[in-house]
């Protein structure tokens, strides 16, 4: 095997290695994005629960005390 063929084989191996690494990173990116969406949804649900609690608390106070 001559030098140029050896260099070409080495480059091909490097390209294949890089393609494999990119595939792994893309998969991890999808997993990370899914986790972030899940966190966002949970936070939004908690925020809505707090808002609803505060609204109901204020409404109850209004019913008990009457308008100010």
PDB file of N, CA and C in Angstrom:
ATOM      1  N   UNK A   1       0.853  -1.167   0.000  1.00  0.00           N
ATOM      2  CA  UNK A   1       0.000   0.000   0.000  1.00  0.00           C
ATOM      3  C   UNK A   1       0.902   1.234   0.000  1.00  0.00           C
ATOM      4  N   UNK A   2       0.630   2.150  -0.918  1.00  0.00           N
ATOM      5  CA  UNK A   2       1.478   3.342  -0.997  1.00  0.00           C
ATOM      6  C   UNK A   2       0.997   4.401   0.008  1.00  0.00           C
ATOM      7  N   UNK A   3       1.768   5.458   0.105  1.00  0.00           N
ATOM      8  CA  UNK A   3       1.519   6.510   1.094  1.00  0.00           C
ATOM      9  C   UNK A   3       0.193   7.219   0.864  1.00  0.00           C
ATOM     10  N   UNK A   4      -0.139   7.525  -0.378  1.00  0.00           N
ATOM     11  CA  UNK A   4      -1.388   8.230  -0.660  1.00  0.00           C
ATOM     12  C   UNK A   4      -2.605   7.363  -0.339  1.00  0.00           C
ATOM     13  N   UNK A   5      -2.502   6.067  -0.613  1.00  0.00           N
ATOM     14  CA  UNK A   5      -3.609   5.160  -0.284  1.00  0.00           C
ATOM     15  C   UNK A   5      -3.771   5.041   1.229  1.00  0.00           C
ATOM     16  N   UNK A   6      -2.663   5.008   1.940  1.00  0.00           N
ATOM     17  CA  UNK A   6      -2.697   4.939   3.398  1.00  0.00           C
ATOM     18  C   UNK A   6      -3.335   6.203   3.977  1.00  0.00           C
ATOM     19  N   UNK A   7      -2.975   7.361   3.421  1.00  0.00           N
ATOM     20  CA  UNK A   7      -3.555   8.625   3.882  1.00  0.00           C
ATOM     21  C   UNK A   7      -5.053   8.657   3.601  1.00  0.00           C
ATOM     22  N   UNK A   8      -5.468   8.172   2.448  1.00  0.00           N
ATOM     23  CA  UNK A   8      -6.884   8.138   2.091  1.00  0.00           C
ATOM     24  C   UNK A   8      -7.655   7.202   3.024  1.00  0.00           C
ATOM     25  N   UNK A   9      -7.094   6.048   3.319  1.00  0.00           N
ATOM     26  CA  UNK A   9      -7.724   5.115   4.255  1.00  0.00           C
ATOM     27  C   UNK A   9      -7.863   5.741   5.641  1.00  0.00           C
ATOM     28  N   UNK A  10      -6.845   6.436   6.070  1.00  0.00           N
ATOM     29  CA  UNK A  10      -6.873   7.100   7.375  1.00  0.00           C
ATOM     30  C   UNK A  10      -7.965   8.161   7.407  1.00  0.00           C
ATOM     31  N   UNK A  11      -8.052   8.953   6.339  1.00  0.00           N
ATOM     32  CA  UNK A  11      -9.094   9.983   6.260  1.00  0.00           C
ATOM     33  C   UNK A  11     -10.487   9.372   6.260  1.00  0.00           C
ATOM     34  N   UNK A  12     -10.661   8.287   5.558  1.00  0.00           N
ATOM     35  CA  UNK A  12     -11.959   7.612   5.524  1.00  0.00           C
ATOM     36  C   UNK A  12     -12.352   7.121   6.916  1.00  0.00           C
ATOM     37  N   UNK A  13     -11.396   6.574   7.644  1.00  0.00           N
ATOM     38  CA  UNK A  13     -11.663   6.110   9.008  1.00  0.00           C
ATOM     39  C   UNK A  13     -12.035   7.284   9.910  1.00  0.00           C
ATOM     40  N   UNK A  14     -11.356   8.397   9.735  1.00  0.00           N
ATOM     41  CA  UNK A  14     -11.653   9.590  10.539  1.00  0.00           C
ATOM     42  C   UNK A  14     -13.052  10.109  10.221  1.00  0.00           C
ATOM     43  N   UNK A  15     -13.410  10.138   8.948  1.00  0.00           N
ATOM     44  CA  UNK A  15     -14.743  10.601   8.537  1.00  0.00           C
ATOM     45  C   UNK A  15     -15.822   9.694   9.121  1.00  0.00           C
ATOM     46  N   UNK A  16     -15.622   8.401   9.047  1.00  0.00           N
ATOM     47  CA  UNK A  16     -16.590   7.450   9.607  1.00  0.00           C
ATOM     48  C   UNK A  16     -16.717   7.650  11.108  1.00  0.00           C
ATOM     49  N   UNK A  17     -15.588   7.837  11.775  1.00  0.00           N
ATOM     50  CA  UNK A  17     -15.583   8.093  13.214  1.00  0.00           C
ATOM     51  C   UNK A  17     -16.368   9.361  13.550  1.00  0.00           C
ATOM     52  N   UNK A  18     -16.142  10.405  12.783  1.00  0.00           N
ATOM     53  CA  UNK A  18     -16.844  11.667  13.012  1.00  0.00           C
ATOM     54  C   UNK A  18     -18.345  11.530  12.749  1.00  0.00           C
ATOM     55  N   UNK A  19     -18.714  10.782  11.712  1.00  0.00           N
ATOM     56  CA  UNK A  19     -20.131  10.552  11.430  1.00  0.00           C
ATOM     57  C   UNK A  19     -20.800   9.822  12.589  1.00  0.00           C
ATOM     58  N   UNK A  20     -20.117   8.855  13.161  1.00  0.00           N
ATOM     59  CA  UNK A  20     -20.652   8.123  14.311  1.00  0.00           C
ATOM     60  C   UNK A  20     -20.824   9.049  15.513  1.00  0.00           C
ATOM     61  N   UNK A  21     -19.848   9.907  15.745  1.00  0.00           N
ATOM     62  CA  UNK A  21     -19.929  10.852  16.868  1.00  0.00           C
ATOM     63  C   UNK A  21     -21.075  11.840  16.663  1.00  0.00           C
ATOM     64  N   UNK A  22     -21.267  12.309  15.437  1.00  0.00           N
ATOM     65  CA  UNK A  22     -22.365  13.236  15.132  1.00  0.00           C
ATOM     66  C   UNK A  22     -23.705  12.549  15.398  1.00  0.00           C
ATOM     67  N   UNK A  23     -23.841  11.301  15.001  1.00  0.00           N
ATOM     68  CA  UNK A  23     -25.083  10.562  15.236  1.00  0.00           C
ATOM     69  C   UNK A  23     -25.385  10.454  16.727  1.00  0.00           C
ATOM     70  N   UNK A  24     -24.361  10.166  17.502  1.00  0.00           N
ATOM     71  CA  UNK A  24     -24.533  10.069  18.958  1.00  0.00           C
ATOM     72  C   UNK A  24     -24.958  11.425  19.525  1.00  0.00           C
ATOM     73  N   UNK A  25     -24.286  12.494  19.108  1.00  0.00           N
ATOM     74  CA  UNK A  25     -24.617  13.830  19.600  1.00  0.00           C
ATOM     75  C   UNK A  25     -26.020  14.260  19.192  1.00  0.00           C
ATOM     76  N   UNK A  26     -26.430  13.911  17.990  1.00  0.00           N
ATOM     77  CA  UNK A  26     -27.793  14.239  17.547  1.00  0.00           C
ATOM     78  C   UNK A  26     -28.821  13.530  18.422  1.00  0.00           C
ATOM     79  N   UNK A  27     -28.554  12.270  18.747  1.00  0.00           N
ATOM     80  CA  UNK A  27     -29.454  11.520  19.627  1.00  0.00           C
ATOM     81  C   UNK A  27     -29.531  12.137  21.008  1.00  0.00           C
ATOM     82  N   UNK A  28     -28.387  12.533  21.539  1.00  0.00           N
ATOM     83  CA  UNK A  28     -28.351  13.182  22.849  1.00  0.00           C
ATOM     84  C   UNK A  28     -29.080  14.518  22.802  1.00  0.00           C
ATOM     85  N   UNK A  29     -28.963  15.232  21.693  1.00  0.00           N
ATOM     86  CA  UNK A  29     -29.648  16.513  21.539  1.00  0.00           C
ATOM     87  C   UNK A  29     -31.162  16.328  21.585  1.00  0.00           C
ATOM     88  N   UNK A  30     -31.654  15.298  20.938  1.00  0.00           N
ATOM     89  CA  UNK A  30     -33.095  15.009  20.948  1.00  0.00           C
ATOM     90  C   UNK A  30     -33.544  14.705  22.373  1.00  0.00           C
ATOM     91  N   UNK A  31     -32.769  13.897  23.088  1.00  0.00           N
ATOM     92  CA  UNK A  31     -33.113  13.555  24.468  1.00  0.00           C
ATOM     93  C   UNK A  31     -33.123  14.804  25.351  1.00  0.00           C
ATOM     94  N   UNK A  32     -32.125  15.652  25.185  1.00  0.00           N
ATOM     95  CA  UNK A  32     -32.045  16.880  25.974  1.00  0.00           C
ATOM     96  C   UNK A  32     -33.219  17.796  25.671  1.00  0.00           C
ATOM     97  N   UNK A  33     -33.556  17.938  24.401  1.00  0.00           N
ATOM     98  CA  UNK A  33     -34.684  18.781  24.009  1.00  0.00           C
ATOM     99  C   UNK A  33     -35.982  18.249  24.604  1.00  0.00           C
ATOM    100  N   UNK A  34     -36.176  16.948  24.573  1.00  0.00           N
ATOM    101  CA  UNK A  34     -37.379  16.353  25.155  1.00  0.00           C
ATOM    102  C   UNK A  34     -37.449  16.616  26.655  1.00  0.00           C
ATOM    103  N   UNK A  35     -36.323  16.500  27.340  1.00  0.00           N
ATOM    104  CA  UNK A  35     -36.283  16.772  28.780  1.00  0.00           C
ATOM    105  C   UNK A  35     -36.617  18.233  29.066  1.00  0.00           C
ATOM    106  N   UNK A  36     -36.100  19.131  28.252  1.00  0.00           N
ATOM    107  CA  UNK A  36     -36.390  20.556  28.445  1.00  0.00           C
ATOM    108  C   UNK A  36     -37.869  20.850  28.237  1.00  0.00           C
ATOM    109  N   UNK A  37     -38.490  20.238  27.236  1.00  0.00           N
ATOM    110  CA  UNK A  37     -39.928  20.423  27.027  1.00  0.00           C
ATOM    111  C   UNK A  37     -40.725  19.889  28.219  1.00  0.00           C
ATOM    112  N   UNK A  38     -40.303  18.753  28.749  1.00  0.00           N
ATOM    113  CA  UNK A  38     -40.981  18.181  29.908  1.00  0.00           C
ATOM    114  C   UNK A  38     -40.873  19.119  31.115  1.00  0.00           C
ATOM    115  N   UNK A  39     -39.691  19.674  31.339  1.00  0.00           N
ATOM    116  CA  UNK A  39     -39.495  20.623  32.438  1.00  0.00           C
ATOM    117  C   UNK A  39     -40.358  21.865  32.224  1.00  0.00           C
ATOM    118  N   UNK A  40     -40.377  22.361  31.000  1.00  0.00           N
ATOM    119  CA  UNK A  40     -41.188  23.539  30.686  1.00  0.00           C
ATOM    120  C   UNK A  40     -42.666  23.273  30.979  1.00  0.00           C
ATOM    121  N   UNK A  41     -43.159  22.116  30.570  1.00  0.00           N
ATOM    122  CA  UNK A  41     -44.561  21.771  30.801  1.00  0.00           C
ATOM    123  C   UNK A  41     -44.878  21.660  32.290  1.00  0.00           C
ATOM    124  N   UNK A  42     -43.977  21.051  33.053  1.00  0.00           N
ATOM    125  CA  UNK A  42     -44.189  20.932  34.498  1.00  0.00           C
ATOM    126  C   UNK A  42     -44.212  22.303  35.160  1.00  0.00           C
ATOM    127  N   UNK A  43     -43.281  23.156  34.778  1.00  0.00           N
ATOM    128  CA  UNK A  43     -43.244  24.505  35.344  1.00  0.00           C
ATOM    129  C   UNK A  43     -44.506  25.276  34.995  1.00  0.00           C
ATOM    130  N   UNK A  44     -44.943  25.169  33.750  1.00  0.00           N
ATOM    131  CA  UNK A  44     -46.159  25.861  33.339  1.00  0.00           C
ATOM    132  C   UNK A  44     -47.361  25.376  34.137  1.00  0.00           C
ATOM    133  N   UNK A  45     -47.441  24.083  34.384  1.00  0.00           N
ATOM    134  CA  UNK A  45     -48.541  23.529  35.177  1.00  0.00           C
ATOM    135  C   UNK A  45     -48.501  24.054  36.608  1.00  0.00           C
ATOM    136  N   UNK A  46     -47.300  24.131  37.181  1.00  0.00           N
ATOM    137  CA  UNK A  46     -47.163  24.647  38.543  1.00  0.00           C
ATOM    138  C   UNK A  46     -47.535  26.121  38.604  1.00  0.00           C
ATOM    139  N   UNK A  47     -47.127  26.892  37.609  1.00  0.00           N
ATOM    140  CA  UNK A  47     -47.468  28.317  37.563  1.00  0.00           C
ATOM    141  C   UNK A  47     -48.983  28.485  37.471  1.00  0.00           C
ATOM    142  N   UNK A  48     -49.622  27.705  36.622  1.00  0.00           N
ATOM    143  CA  UNK A  48     -51.070  27.784  36.476  1.00  0.00           C
ATOM    144  C   UNK A  48     -51.780  27.392  37.769  1.00  0.00           C
ATOM    145  N   UNK A  49     -51.254  26.387  38.460  1.00  0.00           N
ATOM    146  CA  UNK A  49     -51.848  25.978  39.733  1.00  0.00           C
ATOM    147  C   UNK A  49     -51.734  27.095  40.768  1.00  0.00           C
ATOM    148  N   UNK A  50     -50.606  27.765  40.817  1.00  0.00           N
ATOM    149  CA  UNK A  50     -50.421  28.880  41.749  1.00  0.00           C
ATOM    150  C   UNK A  50     -51.375  30.021  41.406  1.00  0.00           C
ATOM    151  N   UNK A  51     -51.480  30.350  40.130  1.00  0.00           N
ATOM    152  CA  UNK A  51     -52.390  31.419  39.701  1.00  0.00           C
ATOM    153  C   UNK A  51     -53.829  31.069  40.068  1.00  0.00           C
ATOM    154  N   UNK A  52     -54.238  29.846  39.802  1.00  0.00           N
ATOM    155  CA  UNK A  52     -55.606  29.432  40.132  1.00  0.00           C
ATOM    156  C   UNK A  52     -55.844  29.464  41.631  1.00  0.00           C
ATOM    157  N   UNK A  53     -54.860  29.048  42.407  1.00  0.00           N
ATOM    158  CA  UNK A  53     -54.985  29.078  43.869  1.00  0.00           C
ATOM    159  C   UNK A  53     -55.154  30.517  44.353  1.00  0.00           C
ATOM    160  N   UNK A  54     -54.333  31.421  43.852  1.00  0.00           N
ATOM    161  CA  UNK A  54     -54.409  32.821  44.258  1.00  0.00           C
ATOM    162  C   UNK A  54     -55.745  33.436  43.852  1.00  0.00           C
ATOM    163  N   UNK A  55     -56.207  33.115  42.658  1.00  0.00           N
ATOM    164  CA  UNK A  55     -57.507  33.638  42.210  1.00  0.00           C
ATOM    165  C   UNK A  55     -58.638  33.141  43.105  1.00  0.00           C
ATOM    166  N   UNK A  56     -58.611  31.855  43.424  1.00  0.00           N
ATOM    167  CA  UNK A  56     -59.684  31.301  44.261  1.00  0.00           C
ATOM    168  C   UNK A  56     -59.598  31.865  45.672  1.00  0.00           C
ATOM    169  N   UNK A  57     -58.395  32.080  46.187  1.00  0.00           N
ATOM    170  CA  UNK A  57     -58.212  32.655  47.513  1.00  0.00           C
ATOM    171  C   UNK A  57     -58.761  34.080  47.535  1.00  0.00           C
ATOM    172  N   UNK A  58     -58.425  34.854  46.523  1.00  0.00           N
ATOM    173  CA  UNK A  58     -58.915  36.235  46.442  1.00  0.00           C
ATOM    174  C   UNK A  58     -60.430  36.267  46.286  1.00  0.00           C
ATOM    175  N   UNK A  59     -60.978  35.353  45.511  1.00  0.00           N
ATOM    176  CA  UNK A  59     -62.424  35.299  45.313  1.00  0.00           C
ATOM    177  C   UNK A  59     -63.116  34.972  46.634  1.00  0.00           C
ATOM    178  N   UNK A  60     -62.565  34.030  47.394  1.00  0.00           N
ATOM    179  CA  UNK A  60     -63.130  33.653  48.689  1.00  0.00           C
ATOM    180  C   UNK A  60     -63.084  34.830  49.648  1.00  0.00           C
ATOM    181  N   UNK A  61     -61.972  35.550  49.688  1.00  0.00           N
ATOM    182  CA  UNK A  61     -61.854  36.735  50.546  1.00  0.00           C
ATOM    183  C   UNK A  61     -62.891  37.775  50.150  1.00  0.00           C
ATOM    184  N   UNK A  62     -63.116  37.945  48.858  1.00  0.00           N
ATOM    185  CA  UNK A  62     -64.100  38.912  48.366  1.00  0.00           C
ATOM    186  C   UNK A  62     -65.502  38.520  48.822  1.00  0.00           C
ATOM    187  N   UNK A  63     -65.796  37.212  48.748  1.00  0.00           N
ATOM    188  CA  UNK A  63     -67.109  36.735  49.176  1.00  0.00           C
ATOM    189  C   UNK A  63     -67.298  36.957  50.663  1.00  0.00           C
ATOM    190  N   UNK A  64     -66.252  36.700  51.474  1.00  0.00           N
ATOM    191  CA  UNK A  64     -66.375  36.821  52.930  1.00  0.00           C
ATOM    192  C   UNK A  64     -66.394  38.277  53.396  1.00  0.00           C
ATOM    193  N   UNK A  65     -65.560  39.106  52.812  1.00  0.00           N
ATOM    194  CA  UNK A  65     -65.405  40.474  53.289  1.00  0.00           C
ATOM    195  C   UNK A  65     -66.235  41.466  52.504  1.00  0.00           C
ATOM    196  N   UNK A  66     -66.662  41.112  51.331  1.00  0.00           N
ATOM    197  CA  UNK A  66     -67.390  42.037  50.481  1.00  0.00           C
ATOM    198  C   UNK A  66     -66.428  42.968  49.785  1.00  0.00           C
ATOM    199  N   UNK A  67     -66.928  43.792  48.876  1.00  0.00           N
ATOM    200  CA  UNK A  67     -66.036  44.700  48.150  1.00  0.00           C
ATOM    201  C   UNK A  67     -65.452  45.752  49.085  1.00  0.00           C
ATOM    202  N   UNK A  68     -64.259  46.181  48.776  1.00  0.00           N
ATOM    203  CA  UNK A  68     -63.578  47.190  49.622  1.00  0.00           C
ATOM    204  C   UNK A  68     -63.991  48.573  49.235  1.00  0.00           C
TER     205      UNK A  68
END
